[in-house]
């Protein structure tokens, strides 16, 4: 999602919220800490995925996560500078929510009210460009305007004062340590974003092979793609492997991979829809087919009404359950 956008929000927040008095360690770590907060939902999501926890993004990109994590993060921020716990908690809460808002504006599907509600926010067409160059231009320009406005405001205040306020001299080592840490955070975020792009291109290529019914070639590319770490889209390769195996007529192994993908990401619309299609089109008796497909049909009706393809997929499933045209 918007790497430059999160960085811009983090840098702007760090500039606006830096305490007037910081401890030596806090002086070096304030900026990196606040910039890191802007990436926190993604950081925790990737750590959870690499630890084997399924569907972590729904949790880490929710308001509940922000509400629970913010007081804990606020305690840490109060240790870095002379800032109240209430203000520190507010900074953490707004930083995490800003991350979630930017993701939604770039077109990411979100379930912000988990676990109270599974309601989805999905703009389908994002308002923030996906292309890195365009995103950099957008947020780079916004950050430059913010910095310019801050400089002009400080200059105006200094002119209106009876005498210039004394400037606090900060150690050069602390300043450069903070800058280096911010650079490291941005480098790690950019590397993760690059890996996500690589995986997305691989997945799109495999999907095109499946559309062309090149099932053996798709399976070979899936095995190659598994050699690299996944930075996003948990379970997607298992889902594509299920589709390829089904295309080759291997329903038994296809079912296994469908469920492997489902355990990792039960919120993926097409996976839920294809599982319903899979069970509704088997050679079992009609009552058994409906029993197996019903949990997925129920989820399609209750949780995915916002998807344009939902009515079409439900109609297709009912035709298969009725034994009509496949």
C-alpha atoms as a PDB file:
ATOM      1  CA  UNK A   1       0.000   0.000   0.000  1.00  0.00           C
ATOM      2  CA  UNK A   2       1.081   3.666  -0.109  1.00  0.00           C
ATOM      3  CA  UNK A   3       4.681   3.487   1.152  1.00  0.00           C
ATOM      4  CA  UNK A   4       5.427   7.143   0.400  1.00  0.00           C
ATOM      5  CA  UNK A   5       2.072   8.197   1.836  1.00  0.00           C
ATOM      6  CA  UNK A   6       2.763   6.494   5.147  1.00  0.00           C
ATOM      7  CA  UNK A   7       6.239   8.039   5.225  1.00  0.00           C
ATOM      8  CA  UNK A   8       4.851  11.524   4.534  1.00  0.00           C
ATOM      9  CA  UNK A   9       2.244  11.179   7.285  1.00  0.00           C
ATOM     10  CA  UNK A  10       4.863   9.869   9.707  1.00  0.00           C
ATOM     11  CA  UNK A  11       7.344  12.673   8.986  1.00  0.00           C
ATOM     12  CA  UNK A  12       4.645  15.334   9.245  1.00  0.00           C
ATOM     13  CA  UNK A  13       3.393  13.880  12.526  1.00  0.00           C
ATOM     14  CA  UNK A  14       6.931  13.694  13.925  1.00  0.00           C
ATOM     15  CA  UNK A  15       7.529  17.341  13.021  1.00  0.00           C
ATOM     16  CA  UNK A  16       4.247  18.513  14.568  1.00  0.00           C
ATOM     17  CA  UNK A  17       4.401  16.514  17.779  1.00  0.00           C
ATOM     18  CA  UNK A  18       8.076  16.644  18.784  1.00  0.00           C
ATOM     19  CA  UNK A  19       8.219  17.691  22.465  1.00  0.00           C
ATOM     20  CA  UNK A  20      10.016  20.916  23.221  1.00  0.00           C
ATOM     21  CA  UNK A  21      12.171  19.086  25.723  1.00  0.00           C
ATOM     22  CA  UNK A  22      13.505  15.619  25.009  1.00  0.00           C
ATOM     23  CA  UNK A  23      15.873  13.350  26.807  1.00  0.00           C
ATOM     24  CA  UNK A  24      19.070  12.576  24.820  1.00  0.00           C
ATOM     25  CA  UNK A  25      17.751   9.185  23.749  1.00  0.00           C
ATOM     26  CA  UNK A  26      14.318  10.598  22.998  1.00  0.00           C
ATOM     27  CA  UNK A  27      15.862  13.314  20.845  1.00  0.00           C
ATOM     28  CA  UNK A  28      17.322  10.647  18.548  1.00  0.00           C
ATOM     29  CA  UNK A  29      14.373   8.272  18.612  1.00  0.00           C
ATOM     30  CA  UNK A  30      11.343  10.575  18.485  1.00  0.00           C
ATOM     31  CA  UNK A  31      11.256  10.914  14.693  1.00  0.00           C
ATOM     32  CA  UNK A  32      11.898   7.196  13.947  1.00  0.00           C
ATOM     33  CA  UNK A  33       9.335   6.176  16.577  1.00  0.00           C
ATOM     34  CA  UNK A  34       6.564   8.316  15.099  1.00  0.00           C
ATOM     35  CA  UNK A  35       7.452   7.373  11.513  1.00  0.00           C
ATOM     36  CA  UNK A  36       7.402   3.717  12.601  1.00  0.00           C
ATOM     37  CA  UNK A  37       3.885   4.217  13.982  1.00  0.00           C
ATOM     38  CA  UNK A  38       2.738   5.156  10.480  1.00  0.00           C
ATOM     39  CA  UNK A  39       3.773   1.671   9.312  1.00  0.00           C
ATOM     40  CA  UNK A  40       2.668  -0.250  12.415  1.00  0.00           C
ATOM     41  CA  UNK A  41      -0.356  -2.072  10.901  1.00  0.00           C
ATOM     42  CA  UNK A  42       1.798  -3.408   8.055  1.00  0.00           C
ATOM     43  CA  UNK A  43       4.709  -4.289  10.355  1.00  0.00           C
ATOM     44  CA  UNK A  44       2.518  -6.317  12.697  1.00  0.00           C
ATOM     45  CA  UNK A  45       0.681  -7.882   9.756  1.00  0.00           C
ATOM     46  CA  UNK A  46       3.904  -9.146   8.140  1.00  0.00           C
ATOM     47  CA  UNK A  47       5.298 -10.384  11.449  1.00  0.00           C
ATOM     48  CA  UNK A  48       2.071 -12.300  12.066  1.00  0.00           C
ATOM     49  CA  UNK A  49       2.120 -13.800   8.558  1.00  0.00           C
ATOM     50  CA  UNK A  50       5.741 -14.897   8.855  1.00  0.00           C
ATOM     51  CA  UNK A  51       4.857 -16.443  12.233  1.00  0.00           C
ATOM     52  CA  UNK A  52       2.159 -18.521  10.578  1.00  0.00           C
ATOM     53  CA  UNK A  53      -0.891 -16.585  11.802  1.00  0.00           C
ATOM     54  CA  UNK A  54      -3.627 -16.525   9.170  1.00  0.00           C
ATOM     55  CA  UNK A  55      -5.628 -13.508   8.017  1.00  0.00           C
ATOM     56  CA  UNK A  56      -3.766 -11.143  10.324  1.00  0.00           C
ATOM     57  CA  UNK A  57      -4.449  -8.064   8.183  1.00  0.00           C
ATOM     58  CA  UNK A  58      -8.110  -7.973   9.229  1.00  0.00           C
ATOM     59  CA  UNK A  59      -6.955  -7.590  12.832  1.00  0.00           C
ATOM     60  CA  UNK A  60      -3.991  -5.234  12.387  1.00  0.00           C
ATOM     61  CA  UNK A  61      -5.933  -2.825  10.136  1.00  0.00           C
ATOM     62  CA  UNK A  62      -8.925  -2.447  12.454  1.00  0.00           C
ATOM     63  CA  UNK A  63     -10.022   0.309  14.815  1.00  0.00           C
ATOM     64  CA  UNK A  64      -9.925  -2.228  17.651  1.00  0.00           C
ATOM     65  CA  UNK A  65      -6.211  -2.825  17.031  1.00  0.00           C
ATOM     66  CA  UNK A  66      -5.551   0.922  17.064  1.00  0.00           C
ATOM     67  CA  UNK A  67      -7.521   1.340  20.302  1.00  0.00           C
ATOM     68  CA  UNK A  68      -5.711  -1.502  22.083  1.00  0.00           C
ATOM     69  CA  UNK A  69      -2.207  -0.746  20.804  1.00  0.00           C
ATOM     70  CA  UNK A  70      -2.304   3.042  21.284  1.00  0.00           C
ATOM     71  CA  UNK A  71      -2.111   3.153  25.121  1.00  0.00           C
ATOM     72  CA  UNK A  72       0.810   0.725  25.075  1.00  0.00           C
ATOM     73  CA  UNK A  73       2.568   2.778  22.425  1.00  0.00           C
ATOM     74  CA  UNK A  74       1.718   5.944  24.328  1.00  0.00           C
ATOM     75  CA  UNK A  75       3.649   4.660  27.322  1.00  0.00           C
ATOM     76  CA  UNK A  76       6.694   4.310  25.101  1.00  0.00           C
ATOM     77  CA  UNK A  77       6.341   7.801  23.655  1.00  0.00           C
ATOM     78  CA  UNK A  78       6.133   9.357  27.116  1.00  0.00           C
ATOM     79  CA  UNK A  79       9.562   7.848  27.873  1.00  0.00           C
ATOM     80  CA  UNK A  80      11.117   9.637  24.901  1.00  0.00           C
ATOM     81  CA  UNK A  81      10.059  13.186  25.702  1.00  0.00           C
ATOM     82  CA  UNK A  82       8.167  15.453  28.060  1.00  0.00           C
ATOM     83  CA  UNK A  83       4.725  14.588  26.725  1.00  0.00           C
ATOM     84  CA  UNK A  84       1.573  13.589  28.568  1.00  0.00           C
ATOM     85  CA  UNK A  85       0.231  10.039  28.345  1.00  0.00           C
ATOM     86  CA  UNK A  86      -3.044  11.336  26.878  1.00  0.00           C
ATOM     87  CA  UNK A  87      -1.271  13.230  24.105  1.00  0.00           C
ATOM     88  CA  UNK A  88       1.090  10.331  23.387  1.00  0.00           C
ATOM     89  CA  UNK A  89      -1.831   7.902  23.129  1.00  0.00           C
ATOM     90  CA  UNK A  90      -3.648  10.289  20.793  1.00  0.00           C
ATOM     91  CA  UNK A  91      -0.593  10.547  18.528  1.00  0.00           C
ATOM     92  CA  UNK A  92      -0.342   6.746  18.329  1.00  0.00           C
ATOM     93  CA  UNK A  93      -4.067   6.285  17.717  1.00  0.00           C
ATOM     94  CA  UNK A  94      -4.265   8.874  14.935  1.00  0.00           C
ATOM     95  CA  UNK A  95      -1.075   7.580  13.284  1.00  0.00           C
ATOM     96  CA  UNK A  96      -2.429   4.034  13.062  1.00  0.00           C
ATOM     97  CA  UNK A  97      -5.829   5.211  11.813  1.00  0.00           C
ATOM     98  CA  UNK A  98      -4.130   7.439   9.214  1.00  0.00           C
ATOM     99  CA  UNK A  99      -2.369   4.349   7.869  1.00  0.00           C
ATOM    100  CA  UNK A 100      -5.680   2.499   7.555  1.00  0.00           C
ATOM    101  CA  UNK A 101      -7.319   5.491   5.868  1.00  0.00           C
ATOM    102  CA  UNK A 102      -4.539   5.778   3.276  1.00  0.00           C
ATOM    103  CA  UNK A 103      -4.844   2.065   2.472  1.00  0.00           C
ATOM    104  CA  UNK A 104      -8.591   2.445   1.886  1.00  0.00           C
ATOM    105  CA  UNK A 105      -8.048   5.502  -0.315  1.00  0.00           C
ATOM    106  CA  UNK A 106      -5.624   3.479  -2.433  1.00  0.00           C
ATOM    107  CA  UNK A 107      -8.266   0.805  -3.005  1.00  0.00           C
ATOM    108  CA  UNK A 108      -7.479  -1.798  -0.331  1.00  0.00           C
ATOM    109  CA  UNK A 109     -10.436  -3.715   1.074  1.00  0.00           C
ATOM    110  CA  UNK A 110     -10.880  -2.983   4.788  1.00  0.00           C
ATOM    111  CA  UNK A 111     -12.978  -4.370   7.643  1.00  0.00           C
ATOM    112  CA  UNK A 112     -12.407  -1.568  10.159  1.00  0.00           C
ATOM    113  CA  UNK A 113     -15.004  -2.616  12.749  1.00  0.00           C
ATOM    114  CA  UNK A 114     -13.665  -6.160  13.312  1.00  0.00           C
ATOM    115  CA  UNK A 115     -14.576  -8.064  15.490  1.00  0.00           C
ATOM    116  CA  UNK A 116     -17.875  -6.265  16.134  1.00  0.00           C
ATOM    117  CA  UNK A 117     -18.847  -6.225  12.480  1.00  0.00           C
ATOM    118  CA  UNK A 118     -17.548  -7.750   9.249  1.00  0.00           C
ATOM    119  CA  UNK A 119     -18.763  -4.784   7.231  1.00  0.00           C
ATOM    120  CA  UNK A 120     -16.370  -3.967   4.390  1.00  0.00           C
ATOM    121  CA  UNK A 121     -15.103  -0.668   3.009  1.00  0.00           C
ATOM    122  CA  UNK A 122     -14.007  -1.195  -0.583  1.00  0.00           C
ATOM    123  CA  UNK A 123     -13.707   1.724  -2.988  1.00  0.00           C
ATOM    124  CA  UNK A 124     -12.707  -0.701  -5.817  1.00  0.00           C
ATOM    125  CA  UNK A 125     -11.134   2.290  -7.582  1.00  0.00           C
ATOM    126  CA  UNK A 126      -8.660   3.953  -5.265  1.00  0.00           C
ATOM    127  CA  UNK A 127      -8.295   7.723  -5.035  1.00  0.00           C
ATOM    128  CA  UNK A 128      -4.515   7.482  -4.463  1.00  0.00           C
ATOM    129  CA  UNK A 129      -2.377   6.339  -7.411  1.00  0.00           C
ATOM    130  CA  UNK A 130      -0.783   2.891  -7.197  1.00  0.00           C
ATOM    131  CA  UNK A 131       2.188   3.723  -9.452  1.00  0.00           C
ATOM    132  CA  UNK A 132       5.246   4.502  -7.249  1.00  0.00           C
ATOM    133  CA  UNK A 133       6.279   7.549  -9.316  1.00  0.00           C
ATOM    134  CA  UNK A 134       2.821   9.119  -9.162  1.00  0.00           C
ATOM    135  CA  UNK A 135       2.480   8.343  -5.472  1.00  0.00           C
ATOM    136  CA  UNK A 136       5.882   9.912  -4.792  1.00  0.00           C
ATOM    137  CA  UNK A 137       4.930  13.045  -6.710  1.00  0.00           C
ATOM    138  CA  UNK A 138       1.621  13.368  -4.858  1.00  0.00           C
ATOM    139  CA  UNK A 139       2.894  12.866  -1.321  1.00  0.00           C
ATOM    140  CA  UNK A 140       6.284  14.457  -1.981  1.00  0.00           C
ATOM    141  CA  UNK A 141       4.569  17.644  -3.086  1.00  0.00           C
ATOM    142  CA  UNK A 142       2.216  17.545  -0.073  1.00  0.00           C
ATOM    143  CA  UNK A 143       5.139  17.053   2.328  1.00  0.00           C
ATOM    144  CA  UNK A 144       7.125  19.862   0.680  1.00  0.00           C
ATOM    145  CA  UNK A 145       4.160  22.245   1.043  1.00  0.00           C
ATOM    146  CA  UNK A 146       3.790  21.207   4.681  1.00  0.00           C
ATOM    147  CA  UNK A 147       7.488  21.887   5.355  1.00  0.00           C
ATOM    148  CA  UNK A 148       7.298  25.239   3.581  1.00  0.00           C
ATOM    149  CA  UNK A 149       4.213  26.275   5.572  1.00  0.00           C
ATOM    150  CA  UNK A 150       5.936  25.281   8.810  1.00  0.00           C
ATOM    151  CA  UNK A 151       9.051  27.286   7.941  1.00  0.00           C
ATOM    152  CA  UNK A 152       7.003  30.370   7.058  1.00  0.00           C
ATOM    153  CA  UNK A 153       4.990  30.072  10.264  1.00  0.00           C
ATOM    154  CA  UNK A 154       8.130  29.806  12.398  1.00  0.00           C
ATOM    155  CA  UNK A 155       9.618  32.805  10.603  1.00  0.00           C
ATOM    156  CA  UNK A 156       6.461  34.857  11.182  1.00  0.00           C
ATOM    157  CA  UNK A 157       6.429  33.970  14.858  1.00  0.00           C
ATOM    158  CA  UNK A 158      10.074  34.913  15.292  1.00  0.00           C
ATOM    159  CA  UNK A 159       9.413  38.316  13.696  1.00  0.00           C
ATOM    160  CA  UNK A 160       6.507  39.004  16.048  1.00  0.00           C
ATOM    161  CA  UNK A 161       8.469  38.104  19.164  1.00  0.00           C
ATOM    162  CA  UNK A 162      10.222  40.758  21.234  1.00  0.00           C
ATOM    163  CA  UNK A 163      13.404  38.795  21.027  1.00  0.00           C
ATOM    164  CA  UNK A 164      14.286  35.522  19.349  1.00  0.00           C
ATOM    165  CA  UNK A 165      13.664  32.453  21.406  1.00  0.00           C
ATOM    166  CA  UNK A 166      16.852  30.615  22.321  1.00  0.00           C
ATOM    167  CA  UNK A 167      17.452  27.619  20.088  1.00  0.00           C
ATOM    168  CA  UNK A 168      18.102  24.337  21.743  1.00  0.00           C
ATOM    169  CA  UNK A 169      21.318  22.861  20.460  1.00  0.00           C
ATOM    170  CA  UNK A 170      20.962  19.170  19.873  1.00  0.00           C
ATOM    171  CA  UNK A 171      23.923  16.881  19.538  1.00  0.00           C
ATOM    172  CA  UNK A 172      24.897  16.157  15.953  1.00  0.00           C
ATOM    173  CA  UNK A 173      25.217  12.453  16.698  1.00  0.00           C
ATOM    174  CA  UNK A 174      21.634  12.264  17.951  1.00  0.00           C
ATOM    175  CA  UNK A 175      20.323  14.098  14.898  1.00  0.00           C
ATOM    176  CA  UNK A 176      22.128  11.838  12.468  1.00  0.00           C
ATOM    177  CA  UNK A 177      21.190   8.720  14.438  1.00  0.00           C
ATOM    178  CA  UNK A 178      17.515   9.681  14.118  1.00  0.00           C
ATOM    179  CA  UNK A 179      17.859  10.376  10.414  1.00  0.00           C
ATOM    180  CA  UNK A 180      19.632   7.072   9.850  1.00  0.00           C
ATOM    181  CA  UNK A 181      16.901   5.169  11.678  1.00  0.00           C
ATOM    182  CA  UNK A 182      14.201   6.908   9.633  1.00  0.00           C
ATOM    183  CA  UNK A 183      16.091   6.005   6.471  1.00  0.00           C
ATOM    184  CA  UNK A 184      16.304   2.379   7.593  1.00  0.00           C
ATOM    185  CA  UNK A 185      12.541   2.275   8.226  1.00  0.00           C
ATOM    186  CA  UNK A 186      11.812   3.734   4.779  1.00  0.00           C
ATOM    187  CA  UNK A 187      14.273   1.321   3.141  1.00  0.00           C
ATOM    188  CA  UNK A 188      12.635  -1.679   4.843  1.00  0.00           C
ATOM    189  CA  UNK A 189       9.169  -0.460   3.842  1.00  0.00           C
ATOM    190  CA  UNK A 190      10.293   0.059   0.240  1.00  0.00           C
ATOM    191  CA  UNK A 191      11.851  -3.421   0.103  1.00  0.00           C
ATOM    192  CA  UNK A 192       8.653  -4.984   1.434  1.00  0.00           C
ATOM    193  CA  UNK A 193       6.623  -2.987  -1.081  1.00  0.00           C
ATOM    194  CA  UNK A 194       8.911  -4.207  -3.879  1.00  0.00           C
ATOM    195  CA  UNK A 195       8.472  -7.842  -2.802  1.00  0.00           C
ATOM    196  CA  UNK A 196       4.712  -7.298  -2.779  1.00  0.00           C
ATOM    197  CA  UNK A 197       4.864  -5.954  -6.334  1.00  0.00           C
ATOM    198  CA  UNK A 198       6.952  -8.927  -7.459  1.00  0.00           C
ATOM    199  CA  UNK A 199       4.460 -11.364  -5.942  1.00  0.00           C
ATOM    200  CA  UNK A 200       1.527  -9.464  -7.444  1.00  0.00           C
ATOM    201  CA  UNK A 201       3.072  -9.660 -10.922  1.00  0.00           C
ATOM    202  CA  UNK A 202       3.701 -13.386 -10.444  1.00  0.00           C
ATOM    203  CA  UNK A 203       0.105 -13.942  -9.389  1.00  0.00           C
ATOM    204  CA  UNK A 204      -1.257 -11.956 -12.331  1.00  0.00           C
ATOM    205  CA  UNK A 205       0.907 -13.977 -14.712  1.00  0.00           C
ATOM    206  CA  UNK A 206      -0.333 -17.260 -13.237  1.00  0.00           C
ATOM    207  CA  UNK A 207      -3.934 -16.051 -13.473  1.00  0.00           C
ATOM    208  CA  UNK A 208      -3.433 -15.362 -17.182  1.00  0.00           C
ATOM    209  CA  UNK A 209      -2.124 -18.912 -17.637  1.00  0.00           C
ATOM    210  CA  UNK A 210      -5.228 -20.273 -15.943  1.00  0.00           C
ATOM    211  CA  UNK A 211      -7.443 -18.191 -18.238  1.00  0.00           C
ATOM    212  CA  UNK A 212      -5.593 -19.738 -21.190  1.00  0.00           C
ATOM    213  CA  UNK A 213      -6.053 -23.179 -19.593  1.00  0.00           C
ATOM    214  CA  UNK A 214      -2.301 -23.692 -19.353  1.00  0.00           C
ATOM    215  CA  UNK A 215      -2.680 -25.622 -16.115  1.00  0.00           C
ATOM    216  CA  UNK A 216       0.653 -27.481 -16.121  1.00  0.00           C
ATOM    217  CA  UNK A 217       2.581 -24.285 -16.816  1.00  0.00           C
ATOM    218  CA  UNK A 218       0.641 -22.508 -14.048  1.00  0.00           C
ATOM    219  CA  UNK A 219       1.523 -25.241 -11.541  1.00  0.00           C
ATOM    220  CA  UNK A 220       5.204 -24.981 -12.472  1.00  0.00           C
ATOM    221  CA  UNK A 221       5.198 -21.212 -11.994  1.00  0.00           C
ATOM    222  CA  UNK A 222       3.408 -21.593  -8.651  1.00  0.00           C
ATOM    223  CA  UNK A 223       6.190 -23.859  -7.395  1.00  0.00           C
ATOM    224  CA  UNK A 224       8.801 -21.311  -8.519  1.00  0.00           C
ATOM    225  CA  UNK A 225       6.895 -18.508  -6.796  1.00  0.00           C
ATOM    226  CA  UNK A 226       6.862 -20.437  -3.510  1.00  0.00           C
ATOM    227  CA  UNK A 227      10.656 -20.140  -3.332  1.00  0.00           C
ATOM    228  CA  UNK A 228      10.346 -16.425  -2.522  1.00  0.00           C
ATOM    229  CA  UNK A 229       8.894 -14.926   0.670  1.00  0.00           C
ATOM    230  CA  UNK A 230       5.371 -13.575   0.399  1.00  0.00           C
ATOM    231  CA  UNK A 231       5.006  -9.955   1.461  1.00  0.00           C
ATOM    232  CA  UNK A 232       1.240  -9.852   0.974  1.00  0.00           C
ATOM    233  CA  UNK A 233      -1.857 -11.789  -0.115  1.00  0.00           C
ATOM    234  CA  UNK A 234      -1.719 -14.825   2.204  1.00  0.00           C
ATOM    235  CA  UNK A 235      -3.000 -18.040   0.700  1.00  0.00           C
ATOM    236  CA  UNK A 236      -3.194 -16.728  -2.840  1.00  0.00           C
ATOM    237  CA  UNK A 237      -0.734 -19.260  -4.300  1.00  0.00           C
ATOM    238  CA  UNK A 238      -2.655 -22.109  -2.661  1.00  0.00           C
ATOM    239  CA  UNK A 239      -5.850 -20.758  -4.207  1.00  0.00           C
ATOM    240  CA  UNK A 240      -4.285 -20.616  -7.676  1.00  0.00           C
ATOM    241  CA  UNK A 241      -2.906 -24.134  -7.207  1.00  0.00           C
ATOM    242  CA  UNK A 242      -6.420 -25.335  -6.379  1.00  0.00           C
ATOM    243  CA  UNK A 243      -7.726 -23.683  -9.559  1.00  0.00           C
ATOM    244  CA  UNK A 244      -4.997 -25.288 -11.662  1.00  0.00           C
ATOM    245  CA  UNK A 245      -5.550 -28.741 -10.143  1.00  0.00           C
ATOM    246  CA  UNK A 246      -9.282 -28.425 -10.688  1.00  0.00           C
ATOM    247  CA  UNK A 247      -8.629 -27.507 -14.310  1.00  0.00           C
ATOM    248  CA  UNK A 248      -6.619 -30.720 -14.674  1.00  0.00           C
ATOM    249  CA  UNK A 249      -9.490 -32.704 -13.158  1.00  0.00           C
ATOM    250  CA  UNK A 250      -7.850 -33.441  -9.797  1.00  0.00           C
ATOM    251  CA  UNK A 251     -10.739 -32.504  -7.481  1.00  0.00           C
ATOM    252  CA  UNK A 252      -9.350 -34.277  -4.412  1.00  0.00           C
ATOM    253  CA  UNK A 253      -6.128 -32.261  -4.289  1.00  0.00           C
ATOM    254  CA  UNK A 254      -7.911 -29.116  -5.468  1.00  0.00           C
ATOM    255  CA  UNK A 255     -10.194 -29.322  -2.423  1.00  0.00           C
ATOM    256  CA  UNK A 256      -7.138 -29.639  -0.166  1.00  0.00           C
ATOM    257  CA  UNK A 257      -5.540 -26.474  -1.572  1.00  0.00           C
ATOM    258  CA  UNK A 258      -8.811 -24.549  -1.510  1.00  0.00           C
ATOM    259  CA  UNK A 259      -9.038 -25.179   2.219  1.00  0.00           C
ATOM    260  CA  UNK A 260      -5.370 -24.372   2.791  1.00  0.00           C
ATOM    261  CA  UNK A 261      -5.989 -21.002   1.152  1.00  0.00           C
ATOM    262  CA  UNK A 262      -9.228 -20.518   3.093  1.00  0.00           C
ATOM    263  CA  UNK A 263      -7.493 -21.064   6.434  1.00  0.00           C
ATOM    264  CA  UNK A 264      -5.007 -18.335   5.553  1.00  0.00           C
ATOM    265  CA  UNK A 265      -7.471 -15.780   4.144  1.00  0.00           C
ATOM    266  CA  UNK A 266     -11.175 -16.514   4.613  1.00  0.00           C
ATOM    267  CA  UNK A 267     -12.024 -12.931   3.623  1.00  0.00           C
ATOM    268  CA  UNK A 268     -11.040 -13.320  -0.061  1.00  0.00           C
ATOM    269  CA  UNK A 269     -14.251 -13.033  -2.081  1.00  0.00           C
ATOM    270  CA  UNK A 270     -13.262 -15.187  -5.052  1.00  0.00           C
ATOM    271  CA  UNK A 271     -12.040 -17.999  -2.829  1.00  0.00           C
ATOM    272  CA  UNK A 272     -15.333 -18.102  -0.932  1.00  0.00           C
ATOM    273  CA  UNK A 273     -17.275 -17.978  -4.214  1.00  0.00           C
ATOM    274  CA  UNK A 274     -15.200 -20.697  -5.869  1.00  0.00           C
ATOM    275  CA  UNK A 275     -15.541 -22.991  -2.854  1.00  0.00           C
ATOM    276  CA  UNK A 276     -19.312 -22.621  -3.132  1.00  0.00           C
ATOM    277  CA  UNK A 277     -19.091 -23.377  -6.862  1.00  0.00           C
ATOM    278  CA  UNK A 278     -16.777 -26.318  -6.180  1.00  0.00           C
ATOM    279  CA  UNK A 279     -19.206 -28.038  -3.824  1.00  0.00           C
ATOM    280  CA  UNK A 280     -22.342 -27.150  -5.760  1.00  0.00           C
ATOM    281  CA  UNK A 281     -20.922 -28.727  -8.933  1.00  0.00           C
ATOM    282  CA  UNK A 282     -19.745 -32.043  -7.483  1.00  0.00           C
ATOM    283  CA  UNK A 283     -21.250 -35.425  -8.384  1.00  0.00           C
ATOM    284  CA  UNK A 284     -22.806 -35.872  -4.931  1.00  0.00           C
ATOM    285  CA  UNK A 285     -26.588 -35.908  -4.353  1.00  0.00           C
ATOM    286  CA  UNK A 286     -28.304 -32.507  -4.458  1.00  0.00           C
ATOM    287  CA  UNK A 287     -28.943 -32.410  -0.700  1.00  0.00           C
ATOM    288  CA  UNK A 288     -25.295 -33.173   0.059  1.00  0.00           C
ATOM    289  CA  UNK A 289     -24.057 -30.588  -2.436  1.00  0.00           C
ATOM    290  CA  UNK A 290     -26.228 -27.926  -0.865  1.00  0.00           C
ATOM    291  CA  UNK A 291     -25.108 -28.868   2.651  1.00  0.00           C
ATOM    292  CA  UNK A 292     -21.439 -28.528   1.694  1.00  0.00           C
ATOM    293  CA  UNK A 293     -21.919 -25.294  -0.244  1.00  0.00           C
ATOM    294  CA  UNK A 294     -24.283 -23.600   2.215  1.00  0.00           C
ATOM    295  CA  UNK A 295     -21.648 -22.135   4.621  1.00  0.00           C
ATOM    296  CA  UNK A 296     -19.968 -20.343   1.728  1.00  0.00           C
ATOM    297  CA  UNK A 297     -23.278 -19.255   0.186  1.00  0.00           C
ATOM    298  CA  UNK A 298     -24.267 -17.763   3.530  1.00  0.00           C
ATOM    299  CA  UNK A 299     -21.015 -15.821   3.719  1.00  0.00           C
ATOM    300  CA  UNK A 300     -21.434 -14.570   0.164  1.00  0.00           C
ATOM    301  CA  UNK A 301     -24.904 -13.243   1.009  1.00  0.00           C
ATOM    302  CA  UNK A 302     -24.072 -11.744   4.399  1.00  0.00           C
ATOM    303  CA  UNK A 303     -20.522 -10.442   4.023  1.00  0.00           C
ATOM    304  CA  UNK A 304     -19.977  -9.711   0.330  1.00  0.00           C
ATOM    305  CA  UNK A 305     -23.101  -7.840  -0.733  1.00  0.00           C
ATOM    306  CA  UNK A 306     -20.857  -4.902  -1.660  1.00  0.00           C
ATOM    307  CA  UNK A 307     -19.132  -6.885  -4.432  1.00  0.00           C
ATOM    308  CA  UNK A 308     -20.512  -6.325  -7.916  1.00  0.00           C
ATOM    309  CA  UNK A 309     -19.912  -9.954  -8.861  1.00  0.00           C
ATOM    310  CA  UNK A 310     -21.875 -11.318  -5.899  1.00  0.00           C
ATOM    311  CA  UNK A 311     -25.318 -11.608  -7.614  1.00  0.00           C
ATOM    312  CA  UNK A 312     -23.765 -13.248 -10.665  1.00  0.00           C
ATOM    313  CA  UNK A 313     -21.878 -15.803  -8.575  1.00  0.00           C
ATOM    314  CA  UNK A 314     -24.909 -16.609  -6.418  1.00  0.00           C
ATOM    315  CA  UNK A 315     -26.996 -17.160  -9.542  1.00  0.00           C
ATOM    316  CA  UNK A 316     -24.317 -19.448 -10.970  1.00  0.00           C
ATOM    317  CA  UNK A 317     -24.172 -21.465  -7.756  1.00  0.00           C
ATOM    318  CA  UNK A 318     -27.961 -21.896  -7.667  1.00  0.00           C
ATOM    319  CA  UNK A 319     -27.935 -23.106 -11.285  1.00  0.00           C
ATOM    320  CA  UNK A 320     -25.382 -25.726 -10.422  1.00  0.00           C
ATOM    321  CA  UNK A 321     -27.275 -26.804  -7.314  1.00  0.00           C
ATOM    322  CA  UNK A 322     -30.422 -27.134  -9.437  1.00  0.00           C
ATOM    323  CA  UNK A 323     -28.544 -29.209 -11.969  1.00  0.00           C
ATOM    324  CA  UNK A 324     -28.887 -26.611 -14.713  1.00  0.00           C
ATOM    325  CA  UNK A 325     -26.337 -25.249 -17.192  1.00  0.00           C
ATOM    326  CA  UNK A 326     -22.789 -25.474 -15.817  1.00  0.00           C
END
